[in-house]
Amino acid sequence: MAVHESHVDIEWCRQYVVGLLDTWEGADADQRTRLLTSIFDQIEAAADPERGLLLVGVPKGGWRPFFEYVVAQLQTGASSNLSDVLERLGELARAAGW
């Protein structure tokens, strides 16, 4: 994804993630891995006493501003369908074994 550091198209990113989610069900394991690696460099695991294993996606550089925006929206309580998209993306990463 080609993105200027000073500007990220939030709507384009959201649509890309929504498309990924729509494609997920029909994809095989290899295709799912490629879909996730198009956004994330790696997935890190950490132990959480309350939730068990916590998986955290480390986005590729061009995706970082999008996820920073989403986190800011979540922290300010702004109503957004982006939180649903992120939650579903996390579920998919766990299902893929990331």
PDB file of N, CA and C in Angstrom:
ATOM      1  N   MET A   1       0.845  -1.175   0.000  1.00  0.00           N
ATOM      2  CA  MET A   1       0.000   0.000   0.000  1.00  0.00           C
ATOM      3  C   MET A   1       0.885   1.231   0.000  1.00  0.00           C
ATOM      4  N   ALA A   2       0.725   2.083  -0.959  1.00  0.00           N
ATOM      5  CA  ALA A   2       1.506   3.302  -1.046  1.00  0.00           C
ATOM      6  C   ALA A   2       0.755   4.423  -0.336  1.00  0.00           C
ATOM      7  N   VAL A   3       1.345   4.915   0.739  1.00  0.00           N
ATOM      8  CA  VAL A   3       0.718   5.977   1.520  1.00  0.00           C
ATOM      9  C   VAL A   3       1.783   6.983   1.891  1.00  0.00           C
ATOM     10  N   HIS A   4       1.474   8.255   1.726  1.00  0.00           N
ATOM     11  CA  HIS A   4       2.388   9.286   2.200  1.00  0.00           C
ATOM     12  C   HIS A   4       2.282   9.336   3.713  1.00  0.00           C
ATOM     13  N   GLU A   5       3.428   9.453   4.402  1.00  0.00           N
ATOM     14  CA  GLU A   5       3.399   9.460   5.863  1.00  0.00           C
ATOM     15  C   GLU A   5       2.530  10.581   6.414  1.00  0.00           C
ATOM     16  N   SER A   6       2.487  11.710   5.728  1.00  0.00           N
ATOM     17  CA  SER A   6       1.734  12.846   6.255  1.00  0.00           C
ATOM     18  C   SER A   6       0.229  12.715   6.009  1.00  0.00           C
ATOM     19  N   HIS A   7      -0.168  11.757   5.173  1.00  0.00           N
ATOM     20  CA  HIS A   7      -1.595  11.631   4.855  1.00  0.00           C
ATOM     21  C   HIS A   7      -1.942  10.166   4.645  1.00  0.00           C
ATOM     22  N   VAL A   8      -2.966   9.724   5.290  1.00  0.00           N
ATOM     23  CA  VAL A   8      -3.474   8.380   5.052  1.00  0.00           C
ATOM     24  C   VAL A   8      -4.966   8.498   4.761  1.00  0.00           C
ATOM     25  N   ASP A   9      -5.422   7.769   3.780  1.00  0.00           N
ATOM     26  CA  ASP A   9      -6.823   7.798   3.411  1.00  0.00           C
ATOM     27  C   ASP A   9      -7.571   6.792   4.284  1.00  0.00           C
ATOM     28  N   ILE A  10      -8.158   7.288   5.351  1.00  0.00           N
ATOM     29  CA  ILE A  10      -8.833   6.448   6.335  1.00  0.00           C
ATOM     30  C   ILE A  10      -9.955   5.644   5.677  1.00  0.00           C
ATOM     31  N   GLU A  11     -10.718   6.266   4.817  1.00  0.00           N
ATOM     32  CA  GLU A  11     -11.829   5.562   4.181  1.00  0.00           C
ATOM     33  C   GLU A  11     -11.324   4.447   3.268  1.00  0.00           C
ATOM     34  N   TRP A  12     -10.235   4.710   2.525  1.00  0.00           N
ATOM     35  CA  TRP A  12      -9.672   3.671   1.666  1.00  0.00           C
ATOM     36  C   TRP A  12      -9.222   2.486   2.516  1.00  0.00           C
ATOM     37  N   CYS A  13      -8.544   2.755   3.616  1.00  0.00           N
ATOM     38  CA  CYS A  13      -8.081   1.691   4.513  1.00  0.00           C
ATOM     39  C   CYS A  13      -9.261   0.901   5.070  1.00  0.00           C
ATOM     40  N   ARG A  14     -10.295   1.616   5.494  1.00  0.00           N
ATOM     41  CA  ARG A  14     -11.475   0.943   6.041  1.00  0.00           C
ATOM     42  C   ARG A  14     -12.100   0.033   4.990  1.00  0.00           C
ATOM     43  N   GLN A  15     -12.229   0.541   3.765  1.00  0.00           N
ATOM     44  CA  GLN A  15     -12.810  -0.261   2.685  1.00  0.00           C
ATOM     45  C   GLN A  15     -11.941  -1.485   2.373  1.00  0.00           C
ATOM     46  N   TYR A  16     -10.630  -1.315   2.437  1.00  0.00           N
ATOM     47  CA  TYR A  16      -9.708  -2.434   2.196  1.00  0.00           C
ATOM     48  C   TYR A  16      -9.931  -3.522   3.244  1.00  0.00           C
ATOM     49  N   VAL A  17     -10.026  -3.116   4.509  1.00  0.00           N
ATOM     50  CA  VAL A  17     -10.233  -4.080   5.593  1.00  0.00           C
ATOM     51  C   VAL A  17     -11.602  -4.746   5.452  1.00  0.00           C
ATOM     52  N   VAL A  18     -12.619  -3.982   5.113  1.00  0.00           N
ATOM     53  CA  VAL A  18     -13.954  -4.559   4.910  1.00  0.00           C
ATOM     54  C   VAL A  18     -13.904  -5.576   3.764  1.00  0.00           C
ATOM     55  N   GLY A  19     -13.195  -5.263   2.693  1.00  0.00           N
ATOM     56  CA  GLY A  19     -13.037  -6.197   1.582  1.00  0.00           C
ATOM     57  C   GLY A  19     -12.305  -7.459   2.005  1.00  0.00           C
ATOM     58  N   LEU A  20     -11.287  -7.284   2.835  1.00  0.00           N
ATOM     59  CA  LEU A  20     -10.557  -8.431   3.362  1.00  0.00           C
ATOM     60  C   LEU A  20     -11.497  -9.329   4.165  1.00  0.00           C
ATOM     61  N   LEU A  21     -12.319  -8.720   4.994  1.00  0.00           N
ATOM     62  CA  LEU A  21     -13.258  -9.492   5.806  1.00  0.00           C
ATOM     63  C   LEU A  21     -14.270 -10.228   4.929  1.00  0.00           C
ATOM     64  N   ASP A  22     -14.722  -9.592   3.851  1.00  0.00           N
ATOM     65  CA  ASP A  22     -15.668 -10.211   2.938  1.00  0.00           C
ATOM     66  C   ASP A  22     -15.030 -11.393   2.199  1.00  0.00           C
ATOM     67  N   THR A  23     -13.757 -11.293   1.902  1.00  0.00           N
ATOM     68  CA  THR A  23     -13.027 -12.314   1.161  1.00  0.00           C
ATOM     69  C   THR A  23     -12.638 -13.497   2.049  1.00  0.00           C
ATOM     70  N   TRP A  24     -12.522 -13.252   3.332  1.00  0.00           N
ATOM     71  CA  TRP A  24     -11.969 -14.218   4.283  1.00  0.00           C
ATOM     72  C   TRP A  24     -12.643 -15.585   4.235  1.00  0.00           C
ATOM     73  N   GLU A  25     -13.957 -15.617   4.272  1.00  0.00           N
ATOM     74  CA  GLU A  25     -14.679 -16.886   4.380  1.00  0.00           C
ATOM     75  C   GLU A  25     -14.390 -17.831   3.223  1.00  0.00           C
ATOM     76  N   GLY A  26     -14.201 -17.296   2.032  1.00  0.00           N
ATOM     77  CA  GLY A  26     -13.955 -18.141   0.865  1.00  0.00           C
ATOM     78  C   GLY A  26     -12.488 -18.441   0.622  1.00  0.00           C
ATOM     79  N   ALA A  27     -11.619 -17.917   1.454  1.00  0.00           N
ATOM     80  CA  ALA A  27     -10.179 -18.069   1.245  1.00  0.00           C
ATOM     81  C   ALA A  27      -9.647 -19.333   1.932  1.00  0.00           C
ATOM     82  N   ASP A  28      -8.607 -19.924   1.321  1.00  0.00           N
ATOM     83  CA  ASP A  28      -7.945 -21.052   1.977  1.00  0.00           C
ATOM     84  C   ASP A  28      -6.878 -20.498   2.932  1.00  0.00           C
ATOM     85  N   ALA A  29      -6.183 -21.369   3.650  1.00  0.00           N
ATOM     86  CA  ALA A  29      -5.219 -20.936   4.673  1.00  0.00           C
ATOM     87  C   ALA A  29      -4.116 -20.058   4.088  1.00  0.00           C
ATOM     88  N   ASP A  30      -3.606 -20.420   2.910  1.00  0.00           N
ATOM     89  CA  ASP A  30      -2.541 -19.633   2.290  1.00  0.00           C
ATOM     90  C   ASP A  30      -3.041 -18.250   1.902  1.00  0.00           C
ATOM     91  N   GLN A  31      -4.233 -18.188   1.343  1.00  0.00           N
ATOM     92  CA  GLN A  31      -4.813 -16.898   0.957  1.00  0.00           C
ATOM     93  C   GLN A  31      -5.071 -16.036   2.189  1.00  0.00           C
ATOM     94  N   ARG A  32      -5.514 -16.649   3.276  1.00  0.00           N
ATOM     95  CA  ARG A  32      -5.755 -15.900   4.510  1.00  0.00           C
ATOM     96  C   ARG A  32      -4.461 -15.323   5.054  1.00  0.00           C
ATOM     97  N   THR A  33      -3.402 -16.092   4.980  1.00  0.00           N
ATOM     98  CA  THR A  33      -2.105 -15.584   5.430  1.00  0.00           C
ATOM     99  C   THR A  33      -1.686 -14.391   4.586  1.00  0.00           C
ATOM    100  N   ARG A  34      -1.862 -14.478   3.272  1.00  0.00           N
ATOM    101  CA  ARG A  34      -1.506 -13.356   2.387  1.00  0.00           C
ATOM    102  C   ARG A  34      -2.363 -12.124   2.681  1.00  0.00           C
ATOM    103  N   LEU A  35      -3.646 -12.339   2.964  1.00  0.00           N
ATOM    104  CA  LEU A  35      -4.515 -11.211   3.295  1.00  0.00           C
ATOM    105  C   LEU A  35      -4.019 -10.496   4.551  1.00  0.00           C
ATOM    106  N   LEU A  36      -3.695 -11.261   5.576  1.00  0.00           N
ATOM    107  CA  LEU A  36      -3.228 -10.642   6.822  1.00  0.00           C
ATOM    108  C   LEU A  36      -1.862  -9.986   6.661  1.00  0.00           C
ATOM    109  N   THR A  37      -0.964 -10.620   5.893  1.00  0.00           N
ATOM    110  CA  THR A  37       0.366 -10.036   5.722  1.00  0.00           C
ATOM    111  C   THR A  37       0.348  -8.821   4.805  1.00  0.00           C
ATOM    112  N   SER A  38      -0.772  -8.569   4.128  1.00  0.00           N
ATOM    113  CA  SER A  38      -0.856  -7.339   3.344  1.00  0.00           C
ATOM    114  C   SER A  38      -1.009  -6.121   4.258  1.00  0.00           C
ATOM    115  N   ILE A  39      -1.408  -6.353   5.498  1.00  0.00           N
ATOM    116  CA  ILE A  39      -1.602  -5.269   6.464  1.00  0.00           C
ATOM    117  C   ILE A  39      -0.587  -5.311   7.600  1.00  0.00           C
ATOM    118  N   PHE A  40      -0.255  -6.515   8.069  1.00  0.00           N
ATOM    119  CA  PHE A  40       0.588  -6.653   9.262  1.00  0.00           C
ATOM    120  C   PHE A  40       1.963  -7.212   8.933  1.00  0.00           C
ATOM    121  N   ASP A  41       2.996  -6.650   9.602  1.00  0.00           N
ATOM    122  CA  ASP A  41       4.349  -7.195   9.493  1.00  0.00           C
ATOM    123  C   ASP A  41       4.477  -8.469  10.311  1.00  0.00           C
ATOM    124  N   GLN A  42       3.871  -8.458  11.477  1.00  0.00           N
ATOM    125  CA  GLN A  42       3.954  -9.606  12.371  1.00  0.00           C
ATOM    126  C   GLN A  42       2.838  -9.547  13.395  1.00  0.00           C
ATOM    127  N   ILE A  43       2.653 -10.651  14.070  1.00  0.00           N
ATOM    128  CA  ILE A  43       1.709 -10.726  15.175  1.00  0.00           C
ATOM    129  C   ILE A  43       2.523 -11.106  16.406  1.00  0.00           C
ATOM    130  N   GLU A  44       2.390 -10.330  17.463  1.00  0.00           N
ATOM    131  CA  GLU A  44       3.104 -10.605  18.709  1.00  0.00           C
ATOM    132  C   GLU A  44       2.129 -11.179  19.725  1.00  0.00           C
ATOM    133  N   ALA A  45       2.620 -12.099  20.535  1.00  0.00           N
ATOM    134  CA  ALA A  45       1.795 -12.736  21.558  1.00  0.00           C
ATOM    135  C   ALA A  45       2.279 -12.299  22.935  1.00  0.00           C
ATOM    136  N   ALA A  46       1.319 -12.104  23.829  1.00  0.00           N
ATOM    137  CA  ALA A  46       1.634 -11.742  25.214  1.00  0.00           C
ATOM    138  C   ALA A  46       0.629 -12.433  26.118  1.00  0.00           C
ATOM    139  N   ALA A  47       1.082 -12.777  27.326  1.00  0.00           N
ATOM    140  CA  ALA A  47       0.184 -13.387  28.307  1.00  0.00           C
ATOM    141  C   ALA A  47      -0.588 -12.291  29.018  1.00  0.00           C
ATOM    142  N   ASP A  48      -1.886 -12.480  29.122  1.00  0.00           N
ATOM    143  CA  ASP A  48      -2.748 -11.548  29.837  1.00  0.00           C
ATOM    144  C   ASP A  48      -3.451 -12.344  30.928  1.00  0.00           C
ATOM    145  N   PRO A  49      -3.247 -11.950  32.213  1.00  0.00           N
ATOM    146  CA  PRO A  49      -3.831 -12.732  33.310  1.00  0.00           C
ATOM    147  C   PRO A  49      -5.341 -12.884  33.226  1.00  0.00           C
ATOM    148  N   GLU A  50      -6.035 -11.899  32.682  1.00  0.00           N
ATOM    149  CA  GLU A  50      -7.494 -11.944  32.620  1.00  0.00           C
ATOM    150  C   GLU A  50      -8.026 -12.580  31.343  1.00  0.00           C
ATOM    151  N   ARG A  51      -7.311 -12.404  30.242  1.00  0.00           N
ATOM    152  CA  ARG A  51      -7.829 -12.853  28.948  1.00  0.00           C
ATOM    153  C   ARG A  51      -7.052 -14.018  28.343  1.00  0.00           C
ATOM    154  N   GLY A  52      -6.009 -14.465  28.997  1.00  0.00           N
ATOM    155  CA  GLY A  52      -5.187 -15.545  28.447  1.00  0.00           C
ATOM    156  C   GLY A  52      -4.199 -14.999  27.441  1.00  0.00           C
ATOM    157  N   LEU A  53      -4.050 -15.690  26.333  1.00  0.00           N
ATOM    158  CA  LEU A  53      -3.121 -15.280  25.294  1.00  0.00           C
ATOM    159  C   LEU A  53      -3.684 -14.089  24.534  1.00  0.00           C
ATOM    160  N   LEU A  54      -2.910 -13.024  24.450  1.00  0.00           N
ATOM    161  CA  LEU A  54      -3.310 -11.816  23.746  1.00  0.00           C
ATOM    162  C   LEU A  54      -2.432 -11.677  22.510  1.00  0.00           C
ATOM    163  N   LEU A  55      -3.056 -11.601  21.348  1.00  0.00           N
ATOM    164  CA  LEU A  55      -2.329 -11.432  20.096  1.00  0.00           C
ATOM    165  C   LEU A  55      -2.452  -9.991  19.630  1.00  0.00           C
ATOM    166  N   VAL A  56      -1.317  -9.410  19.285  1.00  0.00           N
ATOM    167  CA  VAL A  56      -1.288  -8.012  18.866  1.00  0.00           C
ATOM    168  C   VAL A  56      -0.651  -7.937  17.488  1.00  0.00           C
ATOM    169  N   GLY A  57      -1.399  -7.384  16.545  1.00  0.00           N
ATOM    170  CA  GLY A  57      -0.875  -7.210  15.198  1.00  0.00           C
ATOM    171  C   GLY A  57      -0.002  -5.969  15.118  1.00  0.00           C
ATOM    172  N   VAL A  58       1.153  -6.105  14.478  1.00  0.00           N
ATOM    173  CA  VAL A  58       2.044  -4.972  14.243  1.00  0.00           C
ATOM    174  C   VAL A  58       1.864  -4.568  12.785  1.00  0.00           C
ATOM    175  N   PRO A  59       1.177  -3.436  12.552  1.00  0.00           N
ATOM    176  CA  PRO A  59       0.867  -3.060  11.169  1.00  0.00           C
ATOM    177  C   PRO A  59       2.105  -2.628  10.387  1.00  0.00           C
ATOM    178  N   LYS A  60       2.040  -2.854   9.083  1.00  0.00           N
ATOM    179  CA  LYS A  60       3.077  -2.328   8.192  1.00  0.00           C
ATOM    180  C   LYS A  60       3.063  -0.805   8.305  1.00  0.00           C
ATOM    181  N   GLY A  61       4.185  -0.187   8.003  1.00  0.00           N
ATOM    182  CA  GLY A  61       4.344   1.255   8.181  1.00  0.00           C
ATOM    183  C   GLY A  61       3.229   2.102   7.610  1.00  0.00           C
ATOM    184  N   GLY A  62       2.779   1.808   6.397  1.00  0.00           N
ATOM    185  CA  GLY A  62       1.727   2.599   5.762  1.00  0.00           C
ATOM    186  C   GLY A  62       0.377   2.467   6.441  1.00  0.00           C
ATOM    187  N   TRP A  63       0.187   1.392   7.194  1.00  0.00           N
ATOM    188  CA  TRP A  63      -1.073   1.161   7.890  1.00  0.00           C
ATOM    189  C   TRP A  63      -1.088   1.770   9.279  1.00  0.00           C
ATOM    190  N   ARG A  64       0.047   2.120   9.795  1.00  0.00           N
ATOM    191  CA  ARG A  64       0.125   2.629  11.168  1.00  0.00           C
ATOM    192  C   ARG A  64      -0.796   3.830  11.416  1.00  0.00           C
ATOM    193  N   PRO A  65      -0.819   4.845  10.534  1.00  0.00           N
ATOM    194  CA  PRO A  65      -1.714   5.989  10.778  1.00  0.00           C
ATOM    195  C   PRO A  65      -3.191   5.588  10.843  1.00  0.00           C
ATOM    196  N   PHE A  66      -3.591   4.604  10.056  1.00  0.00           N
ATOM    197  CA  PHE A  66      -4.975   4.135  10.096  1.00  0.00           C
ATOM    198  C   PHE A  66      -5.292   3.554  11.473  1.00  0.00           C
ATOM    199  N   PHE A  67      -4.427   2.693  11.972  1.00  0.00           N
ATOM    200  CA  PHE A  67      -4.688   2.079  13.268  1.00  0.00           C
ATOM    201  C   PHE A  67      -4.568   3.091  14.409  1.00  0.00           C
ATOM    202  N   GLU A  68      -3.686   4.078  14.274  1.00  0.00           N
ATOM    203  CA  GLU A  68      -3.617   5.150  15.271  1.00  0.00           C
ATOM    204  C   GLU A  68      -4.933   5.926  15.301  1.00  0.00           C
ATOM    205  N   TYR A  69      -5.494   6.179  14.135  1.00  0.00           N
ATOM    206  CA  TYR A  69      -6.785   6.866  14.036  1.00  0.00           C
ATOM    207  C   TYR A  69      -7.877   6.040  14.722  1.00  0.00           C
ATOM    208  N   VAL A  70      -7.903   4.743  14.432  1.00  0.00           N
ATOM    209  CA  VAL A  70      -8.920   3.870  15.018  1.00  0.00           C
ATOM    210  C   VAL A  70      -8.795   3.848  16.538  1.00  0.00           C
ATOM    211  N   VAL A  71      -7.569   3.719  17.034  1.00  0.00           N
ATOM    212  CA  VAL A  71      -7.360   3.710  18.489  1.00  0.00           C
ATOM    213  C   VAL A  71      -7.814   5.029  19.096  1.00  0.00           C
ATOM    214  N   ALA A  72      -7.493   6.141  18.452  1.00  0.00           N
ATOM    215  CA  ALA A  72      -7.934   7.445  18.962  1.00  0.00           C
ATOM    216  C   ALA A  72      -9.457   7.522  19.004  1.00  0.00           C
ATOM    217  N   GLN A  73     -10.113   6.986  17.983  1.00  0.00           N
ATOM    218  CA  GLN A  73     -11.576   6.975  17.959  1.00  0.00           C
ATOM    219  C   GLN A  73     -12.125   6.151  19.122  1.00  0.00           C
ATOM    220  N   LEU A  74     -11.508   5.013  19.370  1.00  0.00           N
ATOM    221  CA  LEU A  74     -11.965   4.149  20.458  1.00  0.00           C
ATOM    222  C   LEU A  74     -11.738   4.802  21.818  1.00  0.00           C
ATOM    223  N   GLN A  75     -10.600   5.468  21.989  1.00  0.00           N
ATOM    224  CA  GLN A  75     -10.274   6.090  23.276  1.00  0.00           C
ATOM    225  C   GLN A  75     -11.142   7.298  23.577  1.00  0.00           C
ATOM    226  N   THR A  76     -11.588   7.987  22.552  1.00  0.00           N
ATOM    227  CA  THR A  76     -12.422   9.166  22.771  1.00  0.00           C
ATOM    228  C   THR A  76     -13.904   8.815  22.817  1.00  0.00           C
ATOM    229  N   GLY A  77     -14.207   7.553  22.596  1.00  0.00           N
ATOM    230  CA  GLY A  77     -15.605   7.125  22.628  1.00  0.00           C
ATOM    231  C   GLY A  77     -16.389   7.529  21.408  1.00  0.00           C
ATOM    232  N   ALA A  78     -15.691   7.925  20.364  1.00  0.00           N
ATOM    233  CA  ALA A  78     -16.378   8.311  19.133  1.00  0.00           C
ATOM    234  C   ALA A  78     -17.081   7.087  18.553  1.00  0.00           C
ATOM    235  N   SER A  79     -18.292   7.270  18.126  1.00  0.00           N
ATOM    236  CA  SER A  79     -19.055   6.176  17.541  1.00  0.00           C
ATOM    237  C   SER A  79     -18.487   5.886  16.163  1.00  0.00           C
ATOM    238  N   SER A  80     -18.090   4.645  15.962  1.00  0.00           N
ATOM    239  CA  SER A  80     -17.486   4.303  14.690  1.00  0.00           C
ATOM    240  C   SER A  80     -17.659   2.824  14.412  1.00  0.00           C
ATOM    241  N   ASN A  81     -17.907   2.491  13.154  1.00  0.00           N
ATOM    242  CA  ASN A  81     -17.962   1.080  12.795  1.00  0.00           C
ATOM    243  C   ASN A  81     -16.561   0.503  12.647  1.00  0.00           C
ATOM    244  N   LEU A  82     -15.538   1.327  12.802  1.00  0.00           N
ATOM    245  CA  LEU A  82     -14.167   0.840  12.725  1.00  0.00           C
ATOM    246  C   LEU A  82     -13.852  -0.122  13.862  1.00  0.00           C
ATOM    247  N   SER A  83     -14.451   0.083  15.029  1.00  0.00           N
ATOM    248  CA  SER A  83     -14.183  -0.825  16.148  1.00  0.00           C
ATOM    249  C   SER A  83     -14.696  -2.223  15.829  1.00  0.00           C
ATOM    250  N   ASP A  84     -15.836  -2.320  15.152  1.00  0.00           N
ATOM    251  CA  ASP A  84     -16.348  -3.627  14.746  1.00  0.00           C
ATOM    252  C   ASP A  84     -15.414  -4.287  13.744  1.00  0.00           C
ATOM    253  N   VAL A  85     -14.886  -3.503  12.825  1.00  0.00           N
ATOM    254  CA  VAL A  85     -13.952  -4.023  11.837  1.00  0.00           C
ATOM    255  C   VAL A  85     -12.704  -4.541  12.528  1.00  0.00           C
ATOM    256  N   LEU A  86     -12.162  -3.785  13.474  1.00  0.00           N
ATOM    257  CA  LEU A  86     -10.958  -4.219  14.184  1.00  0.00           C
ATOM    258  C   LEU A  86     -11.207  -5.478  14.992  1.00  0.00           C
ATOM    259  N   GLU A  87     -12.338  -5.548  15.655  1.00  0.00           N
ATOM    260  CA  GLU A  87     -12.654  -6.731  16.444  1.00  0.00           C
ATOM    261  C   GLU A  87     -12.712  -7.964  15.550  1.00  0.00           C
ATOM    262  N   ARG A  88     -13.361  -7.835  14.411  1.00  0.00           N
ATOM    263  CA  ARG A  88     -13.464  -8.958  13.472  1.00  0.00           C
ATOM    264  C   ARG A  88     -12.095  -9.338  12.917  1.00  0.00           C
ATOM    265  N   LEU A  89     -11.257  -8.350  12.639  1.00  0.00           N
ATOM    266  CA  LEU A  89      -9.914  -8.613  12.139  1.00  0.00           C
ATOM    267  C   LEU A  89      -9.110  -9.392  13.173  1.00  0.00           C
ATOM    268  N   GLY A  90      -9.257  -9.044  14.440  1.00  0.00           N
ATOM    269  CA  GLY A  90      -8.591  -9.789  15.510  1.00  0.00           C
ATOM    270  C   GLY A  90      -9.047 -11.231  15.567  1.00  0.00           C
ATOM    271  N   GLU A  91     -10.352 -11.447  15.409  1.00  0.00           N
ATOM    272  CA  GLU A  91     -10.893 -12.802  15.392  1.00  0.00           C
ATOM    273  C   GLU A  91     -10.289 -13.610  14.237  1.00  0.00           C
ATOM    274  N   LEU A  92     -10.174 -12.978  13.088  1.00  0.00           N
ATOM    275  CA  LEU A  92      -9.624 -13.668  11.919  1.00  0.00           C
ATOM    276  C   LEU A  92      -8.168 -14.007  12.127  1.00  0.00           C
ATOM    277  N   ALA A  93      -7.405 -13.105  12.716  1.00  0.00           N
ATOM    278  CA  ALA A  93      -5.987 -13.379  12.983  1.00  0.00           C
ATOM    279  C   ALA A  93      -5.841 -14.564  13.933  1.00  0.00           C
ATOM    280  N   ARG A  94      -6.682 -14.606  14.960  1.00  0.00           N
ATOM    281  CA  ARG A  94      -6.624 -15.738  15.901  1.00  0.00           C
ATOM    282  C   ARG A  94      -6.994 -17.036  15.189  1.00  0.00           C
ATOM    283  N   ALA A  95      -7.996 -16.985  14.326  1.00  0.00           N
ATOM    284  CA  ALA A  95      -8.423 -18.172  13.606  1.00  0.00           C
ATOM    285  C   ALA A  95      -7.333 -18.670  12.647  1.00  0.00           C
ATOM    286  N   ALA A  96      -6.536 -17.751  12.138  1.00  0.00           N
ATOM    287  CA  ALA A  96      -5.464 -18.120  11.218  1.00  0.00           C
ATOM    288  C   ALA A  96      -4.232 -18.642  11.962  1.00  0.00           C
ATOM    289  N   GLY A  97      -4.286 -18.589  13.288  1.00  0.00           N
ATOM    290  CA  GLY A  97      -3.155 -19.074  14.078  1.00  0.00           C
ATOM    291  C   GLY A  97      -2.077 -18.033  14.299  1.00  0.00           C
ATOM    292  N   TRP A  98      -2.425 -16.764  14.096  1.00  0.00           N
ATOM    293  CA  TRP A  98      -1.445 -15.703  14.313  1.00  0.00           C
ATOM    294  C   TRP A  98      -1.421 -15.356  15.748  1.00  0.00           C
TER     295      TRP A  98
END
